[in-house]
C-alpha atoms as a PDB file:
ATOM      1  CA  MET A   1       0.843 149.456-148.149  1.00  0.00           C
ATOM      2  CA  HIS A   2       2.561 152.766-147.302  1.00  0.00           C
ATOM      3  CA  SER A   3       4.258 154.927-149.924  1.00  0.00           C
ATOM      4  CA  THR A   4       7.451 154.320-148.134  1.00  0.00           C
ATOM      5  CA  GLU A   5       7.189 150.675-148.380  1.00  0.00           C
ATOM      6  CA  ILE A   6       6.288 150.833-152.088  1.00  0.00           C
ATOM      7  CA  HIS A   7       9.257 153.187-152.771  1.00  0.00           C
ATOM      8  CA  THR A   8      11.516 150.682-151.065  1.00  0.00           C
ATOM      9  CA  TYR A   9      10.092 147.810-153.064  1.00  0.00           C
ATOM     10  CA  LEU A  10      10.585 149.795-156.354  1.00  0.00           C
ATOM     11  CA  HIS A  11      14.200 150.765-155.545  1.00  0.00           C
ATOM     12  CA  ARG A  12      15.254 147.226-154.569  1.00  0.00           C
ATOM     13  CA  PHE A  13      13.381 145.744-157.600  1.00  0.00           C
ATOM     14  CA  PHE A  14      15.223 147.906-160.219  1.00  0.00           C
ATOM     15  CA  THR A  15      18.549 147.848-158.488  1.00  0.00           C
ATOM     16  CA  GLU A  16      18.638 144.063-158.173  1.00  0.00           C
ATOM     17  CA  ASN A  17      17.573 143.858-161.877  1.00  0.00           C
ATOM     18  CA  ASN A  18      20.635 146.106-162.937  1.00  0.00           C
ATOM     19  CA  CYS A  19      18.546 149.205-163.685  1.00  0.00           C
ATOM     20  CA  GLU A  20      20.380 152.294-162.792  1.00  0.00           C
ATOM     21  CA  ILE A  21      18.620 154.792-160.511  1.00  0.00           C
ATOM     22  CA  LEU A  22      19.466 158.142-162.395  1.00  0.00           C
ATOM     23  CA  HIS A  23      18.094 160.377-159.659  1.00  0.00           C
ATOM     24  CA  GLY A  24      15.221 160.656-157.141  1.00  0.00           C
ATOM     25  CA  ASN A  25      14.418 160.964-153.380  1.00  0.00           C
ATOM     26  CA  GLU A  26      12.148 159.328-150.952  1.00  0.00           C
ATOM     27  CA  HIS A  27       9.153 160.290-153.095  1.00  0.00           C
ATOM     28  CA  TYR A  28      10.092 159.387-156.596  1.00  0.00           C
ATOM     29  CA  LEU A  29      12.598 157.488-158.802  1.00  0.00           C
ATOM     30  CA  THR A  30      13.932 157.933-162.400  1.00  0.00           C
ATOM     31  CA  VAL A  31      15.122 154.695-163.681  1.00  0.00           C
ATOM     32  CA  GLN A  32      17.177 153.800-166.686  1.00  0.00           C
ATOM     33  CA  LEU A  33      15.948 150.496-167.828  1.00  0.00           C
ATOM     34  CA  THR A  34      18.031 147.676-169.291  1.00  0.00           C
ATOM     35  CA  ILE A  35      17.261 146.191-172.685  1.00  0.00           C
ATOM     36  CA  ASP A  36      15.714 143.049-171.003  1.00  0.00           C
ATOM     37  CA  MET A  37      13.701 145.249-168.602  1.00  0.00           C
ATOM     38  CA  ASP A  38      12.378 147.463-171.343  1.00  0.00           C
ATOM     39  CA  LYS A  39      11.200 144.470-173.250  1.00  0.00           C
ATOM     40  CA  ARG A  40       9.408 143.101-170.151  1.00  0.00           C
ATOM     41  CA  ILE A  41       7.496 146.066-168.996  1.00  0.00           C
ATOM     42  CA  MET A  42       7.316 148.730-171.653  1.00  0.00           C
ATOM     43  CA  ASN A  43       5.121 147.001-174.190  1.00  0.00           C
ATOM     44  CA  ARG A  44       7.113 148.099-177.260  1.00  0.00           C
ATOM     45  CA  PRO A  45       7.337 144.830-179.473  1.00  0.00           C
ATOM     46  CA  PHE A  46       7.410 146.732-182.853  1.00  0.00           C
ATOM     47  CA  TYR A  47      10.234 149.121-181.688  1.00  0.00           C
ATOM     48  CA  TRP A  48      12.425 146.194-180.574  1.00  0.00           C
ATOM     49  CA  ARG A  49      11.462 144.050-183.660  1.00  0.00           C
ATOM     50  CA  TYR A  50      12.638 147.089-185.935  1.00  0.00           C
ATOM     51  CA  ILE A  51      15.770 147.898-183.896  1.00  0.00           C
ATOM     52  CA  GLU A  52      16.918 144.092-184.089  1.00  0.00           C
ATOM     53  CA  SER A  53      15.994 143.906-187.765  1.00  0.00           C
ATOM     54  CA  VAL A  54      18.174 146.799-188.855  1.00  0.00           C
ATOM     55  CA  ASN A  55      20.777 146.231-186.279  1.00  0.00           C
ATOM     56  CA  GLU A  56      20.537 149.794-184.723  1.00  0.00           C
ATOM     57  CA  ILE A  57      21.938 150.876-181.411  1.00  0.00           C
ATOM     58  CA  PRO A  58      19.018 150.288-178.937  1.00  0.00           C
ATOM     59  CA  ASN A  59      17.653 152.992-176.638  1.00  0.00           C
ATOM     60  CA  PRO A  60      15.941 151.441-173.658  1.00  0.00           C
ATOM     61  CA  ALA A  61      13.374 153.673-171.924  1.00  0.00           C
ATOM     62  CA  GLN A  62      13.816 155.736-168.902  1.00  0.00           C
ATOM     63  CA  LEU A  63      10.865 155.507-166.350  1.00  0.00           C
ATOM     64  CA  THR A  64       9.928 158.030-163.663  1.00  0.00           C
ATOM     65  CA  LEU A  65       7.898 156.587-160.943  1.00  0.00           C
ATOM     66  CA  ILE A  66       6.126 158.812-158.147  1.00  0.00           C
ATOM     67  CA  THR A  67       5.264 157.294-154.881  1.00  0.00           C
ATOM     68  CA  ASN A  68       4.181 160.485-153.125  1.00  0.00           C
ATOM     69  CA  MET A  69       2.726 163.210-155.350  1.00  0.00           C
ATOM     70  CA  GLN A  70       1.822 165.472-152.675  1.00  0.00           C
ATOM     71  CA  GLN A  71       5.361 165.893-151.439  1.00  0.00           C
ATOM     72  CA  LEU A  72       6.584 166.970-155.028  1.00  0.00           C
ATOM     73  CA  GLN A  73       6.620 170.286-156.635  1.00  0.00           C
ATOM     74  CA  ASN A  74       4.087 170.828-159.303  1.00  0.00           C
ATOM     75  CA  GLY A  75       5.249 170.048-162.817  1.00  0.00           C
ATOM     76  CA  MET A  76       6.886 166.655-162.009  1.00  0.00           C
ATOM     77  CA  LYS A  77       5.839 164.293-164.613  1.00  0.00           C
ATOM     78  CA  GLY A  78       5.778 160.550-164.189  1.00  0.00           C
ATOM     79  CA  GLU A  79       3.649 157.517-163.309  1.00  0.00           C
ATOM     80  CA  VAL A  80       1.935 157.821-159.884  1.00  0.00           C
ATOM     81  CA  ILE A  81       2.498 154.391-158.225  1.00  0.00           C
ATOM     82  CA  HIS A  82       0.185 153.159-155.428  1.00  0.00           C
ATOM     83  CA  LEU A  83      -1.184 149.814-154.345  1.00  0.00           C
ATOM     84  CA  GLY A  84      -3.687 148.860-156.929  1.00  0.00           C
ATOM     85  CA  SER A  85      -1.927 150.722-159.881  1.00  0.00           C
ATOM     86  CA  PRO A  86      -1.462 148.713-163.054  1.00  0.00           C
ATOM     87  CA  ARG A  87       2.368 149.302-163.121  1.00  0.00           C
ATOM     88  CA  LEU A  88       2.852 147.895-159.579  1.00  0.00           C
ATOM     89  CA  HIS A  89       0.760 144.875-160.246  1.00  0.00           C
ATOM     90  CA  GLN A  90       2.846 144.343-163.400  1.00  0.00           C
ATOM     91  CA  LEU A  91       6.066 144.396-161.209  1.00  0.00           C
ATOM     92  CA  PHE A  92       4.506 142.126-158.745  1.00  0.00           C
ATOM     93  CA  ARG A  93       3.752 139.581-161.611  1.00  0.00           C
ATOM     94  CA  LEU A  94       7.259 140.076-162.897  1.00  0.00           C
ATOM     95  CA  THR A  95       8.695 139.385-159.570  1.00  0.00           C
ATOM     96  CA  LYS A  96       6.880 136.073-159.516  1.00  0.00           C
ATOM     97  CA  GLU A  97       8.037 135.177-162.956  1.00  0.00           C
ATOM     98  CA  MET A  98      11.735 135.962-162.302  1.00  0.00           C
ATOM     99  CA  GLY A  99      11.830 134.131-158.869  1.00  0.00           C
ATOM    100  CA  GLN A 100       9.900 134.963-155.711  1.00  0.00           C
ATOM    101  CA  TYR A 101      12.613 134.122-153.084  1.00  0.00           C
ATOM    102  CA  VAL A 102      16.087 135.465-152.457  1.00  0.00           C
ATOM    103  CA  LYS A 103      19.023 134.819-150.095  1.00  0.00           C
ATOM    104  CA  MET A 104      20.638 137.976-149.011  1.00  0.00           C
ATOM    105  CA  TYR A 105      23.402 139.020-146.544  1.00  0.00           C
ATOM    106  CA  GLU A 106      23.957 142.264-144.962  1.00  0.00           C
ATOM    107  CA  ARG A 107      27.261 143.687-146.102  1.00  0.00           C
ATOM    108  CA  ILE A 108      29.831 144.125-143.370  1.00  0.00           C
ATOM    109  CA  VAL A 109      32.647 146.651-144.294  1.00  0.00           C
ATOM    110  CA  ASP A 110      34.790 146.334-141.246  1.00  0.00           C
ATOM    111  CA  THR A 111      35.931 142.768-141.205  1.00  0.00           C
ATOM    112  CA  ASN A 112      38.851 143.095-138.807  1.00  0.00           C
ATOM    113  CA  GLU A 113      36.739 141.271-136.188  1.00  0.00           C
ATOM    114  CA  GLN A 114      34.460 138.326-136.918  1.00  0.00           C
ATOM    115  CA  ARG A 115      30.882 139.594-137.026  1.00  0.00           C
ATOM    116  CA  ILE A 116      27.681 137.505-136.487  1.00  0.00           C
ATOM    117  CA  LEU A 117      24.695 137.634-138.762  1.00  0.00           C
ATOM    118  CA  THR A 118      21.216 136.392-137.544  1.00  0.00           C
ATOM    119  CA  PRO A 119      18.851 134.501-139.944  1.00  0.00           C
ATOM    120  CA  TRP A 120      15.454 136.044-140.775  1.00  0.00           C
ATOM    121  CA  VAL A 121      12.682 134.996-143.131  1.00  0.00           C
ATOM    122  CA  GLY A 122      10.836 137.899-144.700  1.00  0.00           C
ATOM    123  CA  VAL A 123       7.543 137.563-146.778  1.00  0.00           C
ATOM    124  CA  ASN A 124       5.520 140.266-148.494  1.00  0.00           C
ATOM    125  CA  TYR A 125       1.766 139.341-148.670  1.00  0.00           C
ATOM    126  CA  LYS A 126      -0.828 141.005-150.787  1.00  0.00           C
ATOM    127  CA  VAL A 127      -4.248 140.653-149.166  1.00  0.00           C
ATOM    128  CA  SER A 128      -7.315 141.474-151.415  1.00  0.00           C
ATOM    129  CA  PHE A 129     -10.693 142.171-149.915  1.00  0.00           C
ATOM    130  CA  THR A 130     -13.171 141.614-152.963  1.00  0.00           C
ATOM    131  CA  SER A 131     -16.831 142.039-153.580  1.00  0.00           C
ATOM    132  CA  HIS A 132     -18.528 144.661-155.857  1.00  0.00           C
ATOM    133  CA  GLN A 133     -15.370 146.792-154.959  1.00  0.00           C
ATOM    134  CA  THR A 134     -11.802 145.669-154.195  1.00  0.00           C
ATOM    135  CA  LYS A 135      -9.410 146.752-151.494  1.00  0.00           C
ATOM    136  CA  GLU A 136      -5.711 145.564-151.497  1.00  0.00           C
ATOM    137  CA  ILE A 137      -3.269 145.839-148.607  1.00  0.00           C
ATOM    138  CA  LEU A 138       0.377 144.702-148.628  1.00  0.00           C
ATOM    139  CA  TYR A 139       1.725 143.288-145.472  1.00  0.00           C
ATOM    140  CA  SER A 140       5.431 142.737-144.998  1.00  0.00           C
ATOM    141  CA  LEU A 141       6.390 140.328-142.120  1.00  0.00           C
ATOM    142  CA  GLY A 142       9.677 139.029-140.769  1.00  0.00           C
ATOM    143  CA  ILE A 143      10.480 136.300-138.335  1.00  0.00           C
ATOM    144  CA  ASN A 144      13.797 135.837-136.517  1.00  0.00           C
ATOM    145  CA  LEU A 145      14.721 132.193-136.976  1.00  0.00           C
ATOM    146  CA  MET A 146      16.664 132.152-133.622  1.00  0.00           C
ATOM    147  CA  THR A 147      13.919 133.689-131.390  1.00  0.00           C
ATOM    148  CA  GLY A 148      10.757 133.461-133.176  1.00  0.00           C
ATOM    149  CA  THR A 149      10.132 137.145-132.934  1.00  0.00           C
ATOM    150  CA  VAL A 150       7.855 138.352-135.645  1.00  0.00           C
ATOM    151  CA  VAL A 151       8.199 142.105-136.838  1.00  0.00           C
ATOM    152  CA  LYS A 152       5.773 143.960-139.192  1.00  0.00           C
ATOM    153  CA  GLU A 153       6.918 146.351-141.896  1.00  0.00           C
ATOM    154  CA  PHE A 154       9.962 144.051-142.526  1.00  0.00           C
ATOM    155  CA  GLN A 155      10.521 145.225-146.091  1.00  0.00           C
ATOM    156  CA  GLU A 156      11.048 148.808-144.791  1.00  0.00           C
ATOM    157  CA  THR A 157      13.455 147.588-142.268  1.00  0.00           C
ATOM    158  CA  ILE A 158      15.665 145.690-144.784  1.00  0.00           C
ATOM    159  CA  GLY A 159      15.364 148.625-147.194  1.00  0.00           C
ATOM    160  CA  MET A 160      17.583 150.728-144.909  1.00  0.00           C
ATOM    161  CA  ARG A 161      20.232 147.999-144.816  1.00  0.00           C
ATOM    162  CA  ASP A 162      23.094 147.318-147.355  1.00  0.00           C
ATOM    163  CA  LEU A 163      22.334 143.853-148.652  1.00  0.00           C
ATOM    164  CA  SER A 164      24.357 141.494-150.925  1.00  0.00           C
ATOM    165  CA  GLU A 165      23.827 138.245-152.553  1.00  0.00           C
ATOM    166  CA  GLN A 166      27.424 137.400-151.406  1.00  0.00           C
ATOM    167  CA  SER A 167      28.420 137.108-147.735  1.00  0.00           C
ATOM    168  CA  SER A 168      31.228 139.337-146.546  1.00  0.00           C
ATOM    169  CA  GLU A 169      34.334 137.792-145.229  1.00  0.00           C
ATOM    170  CA  GLN A 170      35.146 136.973-141.562  1.00  0.00           C
ATOM    171  CA  VAL A 171      31.350 136.755-141.019  1.00  0.00           C
ATOM    172  CA  PHE A 172      29.659 133.958-138.961  1.00  0.00           C
ATOM    173  CA  HIS A 173      26.100 132.986-139.865  1.00  0.00           C
ATOM    174  CA  LEU A 174      24.117 131.654-136.967  1.00  0.00           C
ATOM    175  CA  PRO A 175      22.495 128.307-137.735  1.00  0.00           C
ATOM    176  CA  TYR A 176      18.803 128.829-137.435  1.00  0.00           C
ATOM    177  CA  ILE A 177      16.835 127.084-134.576  1.00  0.00           C
ATOM    178  CA  ILE A 178      13.453 127.562-136.465  1.00  0.00           C
ATOM    179  CA  THR A 179      13.424 126.089-139.985  1.00  0.00           C
ATOM    180  CA  PRO A 180      12.388 128.390-142.833  1.00  0.00           C
ATOM    181  CA  ILE A 181       9.317 125.867-143.404  1.00  0.00           C
ATOM    182  CA  ARG A 182       8.092 126.256-139.915  1.00  0.00           C
ATOM    183  CA  ALA A 183       8.714 130.043-140.024  1.00  0.00           C
ATOM    184  CA  LEU A 184       6.589 130.260-143.112  1.00  0.00           C
ATOM    185  CA  ASP A 185       3.751 128.372-141.335  1.00  0.00           C
ATOM    186  CA  ARG A 186       4.122 130.917-138.348  1.00  0.00           C
ATOM    187  CA  LEU A 187       3.926 133.870-140.828  1.00  0.00           C
ATOM    188  CA  ASP A 188       0.835 132.289-142.370  1.00  0.00           C
ATOM    189  CA  THR A 189      -0.752 132.162-139.002  1.00  0.00           C
ATOM    190  CA  VAL A 190       0.146 135.727-138.160  1.00  0.00           C
ATOM    191  CA  ILE A 191      -1.297 137.036-141.560  1.00  0.00           C
ATOM    192  CA  THR A 192      -4.462 135.041-140.694  1.00  0.00           C
ATOM    193  CA  GLN A 193      -4.824 136.684-137.453  1.00  0.00           C
ATOM    194  CA  VAL A 194      -4.220 140.072-138.988  1.00  0.00           C
ATOM    195  CA  ILE A 195      -7.001 139.534-141.525  1.00  0.00           C
ATOM    196  CA  GLU A 196      -9.311 138.378-138.638  1.00  0.00           C
ATOM    197  CA  GLY A 197      -8.626 141.524-136.918  1.00  0.00           C
ATOM    198  CA  GLN A 198      -9.782 143.759-139.716  1.00  0.00           C
ATOM    199  CA  ASP A 199     -13.105 145.689-139.823  1.00  0.00           C
ATOM    200  CA  LEU A 200     -15.405 143.268-141.801  1.00  0.00           C
ATOM    201  CA  THR A 201     -18.364 145.365-142.062  1.00  0.00           C
ATOM    202  CA  TRP A 202     -17.805 145.496-145.758  1.00  0.00           C
ATOM    203  CA  VAL A 203     -18.816 141.774-145.957  1.00  0.00           C
ATOM    204  CA  GLU A 204     -22.290 142.728-144.386  1.00  0.00           C
ATOM    205  CA  GLU A 205     -22.645 145.623-146.703  1.00  0.00           C
ATOM    206  CA  ALA A 206     -21.886 143.640-149.745  1.00  0.00           C
ATOM    207  CA  GLU A 207     -24.209 140.793-148.626  1.00  0.00           C
ATOM    208  CA  LYS A 208     -27.052 143.300-148.038  1.00  0.00           C
ATOM    209  CA  ARG A 209     -26.608 144.606-151.519  1.00  0.00           C
ATOM    210  CA  TRP A 210     -26.610 141.268-152.957  1.00  0.00           C
ATOM    211  CA  ARG A 211     -29.861 140.568-151.273  1.00  0.00           C
ATOM    212  CA  LYS A 212     -31.414 143.666-152.543  1.00  0.00           C
ATOM    213  CA  ASP A 213     -30.290 143.168-156.127  1.00  0.00           C
ATOM    214  CA  GLN A 214     -31.544 139.609-155.937  1.00  0.00           C
ATOM    215  CA  ALA A 215     -34.872 140.616-154.720  1.00  0.00           C
ATOM    216  CA  VAL A 216     -35.221 143.037-157.722  1.00  0.00           C
ATOM    217  CA  LEU A 217     -34.103 140.085-160.003  1.00  0.00           C
ATOM    218  CA  ASP A 218     -36.693 137.721-158.511  1.00  0.00           C
ATOM    219  CA  TYR A 219     -39.434 140.339-158.972  1.00  0.00           C
ATOM    220  CA  PHE A 220     -38.884 140.684-162.634  1.00  0.00           C
ATOM    221  CA  TYR A 221     -39.115 136.867-163.164  1.00  0.00           C
ATOM    222  CA  GLU A 222     -41.807 136.429-160.613  1.00  0.00           C
ATOM    223  CA  GLY A 223     -44.399 133.717-161.746  1.00  0.00           C
ATOM    224  CA  GLN A 224     -42.039 132.269-164.336  1.00  0.00           C
ATOM    225  CA  GLU A 225     -41.545 128.588-163.771  1.00  0.00           C
ATOM    226  CA  PRO A 226     -39.146 127.184-164.652  1.00  0.00           C
ATOM    227  CA  LYS A 227     -36.882 130.284-164.608  1.00  0.00           C
ATOM    228  CA  PRO A 228     -35.283 130.986-168.100  1.00  0.00           C
ATOM    229  CA  GLU A 229     -31.616 130.594-168.704  1.00  0.00           C
ATOM    230  CA  CYS A 230     -31.067 134.416-168.729  1.00  0.00           C
ATOM    231  CA  TYR A 231     -32.407 134.424-164.944  1.00  0.00           C
ATOM    232  CA  GLU A 232     -29.775 131.969-164.055  1.00  0.00           C
ATOM    233  CA  MET A 233     -26.922 133.755-165.990  1.00  0.00           C
ATOM    234  CA  GLU A 234     -27.890 137.036-164.165  1.00  0.00           C
ATOM    235  CA  LYS A 235     -28.143 135.314-160.783  1.00  0.00           C
ATOM    236  CA  GLN A 236     -24.659 133.775-161.432  1.00  0.00           C
ATOM    237  CA  ALA A 237     -23.170 137.132-162.509  1.00  0.00           C
ATOM    238  CA  MET A 238     -24.548 138.733-159.389  1.00  0.00           C
ATOM    239  CA  GLU A 239     -23.058 136.120-157.114  1.00  0.00           C
ATOM    240  CA  GLU A 240     -19.608 136.581-158.707  1.00  0.00           C
ATOM    241  CA  ARG A 241     -19.909 140.337-158.226  1.00  0.00           C
ATOM    242  CA  PHE A 242     -21.135 140.557-154.790  1.00  0.00           C
ATOM    243  CA  LYS A 243     -19.845 137.538-153.004  1.00  0.00           C
ATOM    244  CA  PRO A 244     -17.212 138.663-150.376  1.00  0.00           C
ATOM    245  CA  ARG A 245     -13.799 137.165-150.870  1.00  0.00           C
ATOM    246  CA  ILE A 246     -10.615 137.458-149.193  1.00  0.00           C
ATOM    247  CA  THR A 247      -7.422 136.179-151.037  1.00  0.00           C
ATOM    248  CA  VAL A 248      -3.805 136.017-149.917  1.00  0.00           C
ATOM    249  CA  ASP A 249      -0.927 136.102-152.406  1.00  0.00           C
ATOM    250  CA  VAL A 250       2.771 135.865-151.588  1.00  0.00           C
ATOM    251  CA  VAL A 251       4.463 138.554-153.676  1.00  0.00           C
ATOM    252  CA  ASN A 252       8.033 137.659-152.700  1.00  0.00           C
ATOM    253  CA  GLY A 253      10.206 136.749-149.821  1.00  0.00           C
ATOM    254  CA  GLY A 254      13.545 135.424-148.864  1.00  0.00           C
ATOM    255  CA  LEU A 255      16.055 134.481-146.305  1.00  0.00           C
ATOM    256  CA  PHE A 256      18.077 137.289-144.851  1.00  0.00           C
ATOM    257  CA  TYR A 257      21.195 137.273-142.625  1.00  0.00           C
ATOM    258  CA  LEU A 258      21.305 140.579-140.615  1.00  0.00           C
ATOM    259  CA  LYS A 259      23.361 142.121-138.051  1.00  0.00           C
END
């Protein structure tokens, strides 16, 4: 996931949850949290318990999130956000809790003439490649429900558009030819193909290291039959650590009507 895609995700997450963007650029955001968002992500239960018990005026936190530290001047303070950072995982989980799917319309300012919007389904996938180390990549895919065209980096595309939960007047929404369910099946196929095209030498390396450590374990318990319980426990722990796994999670997605 590129820093620009993370930035787009953060900007849309906070604006859609009514958190004011105080200032920032394409490399960082300073956000004024709402009371609800502060309670959800800042881990200040004692503060909020005290404020509510004495009926004082609450002071929700401000949060500065940096998506590209190299492009900022020295002295900028804030949380550096990248794929794999705890804060980004927290927001991914919160997105799931608050609702994964949205329905958005591109805003049309000039409505003197009837405009046409085309339906798209967009999905953000998090792919985790796990053994004794973990690598995570976020893929954003979109599919045109009229033509079946699939585009990558869809989140970055819609991040540059003015979207609203309400449709503008004098706008005609094309009825989709491809149903959203079929579209999701198609995107699942595409993400599978993307994964299959990845360099999987890490799988071979993990299995080699697994076999090497297993040989060492077998050497220490050589001649002991039956093997003691601690041997089986270590063997199981080794499998959980080294066995290569690929998991795919849907972070969020939605139906988008675009010009």
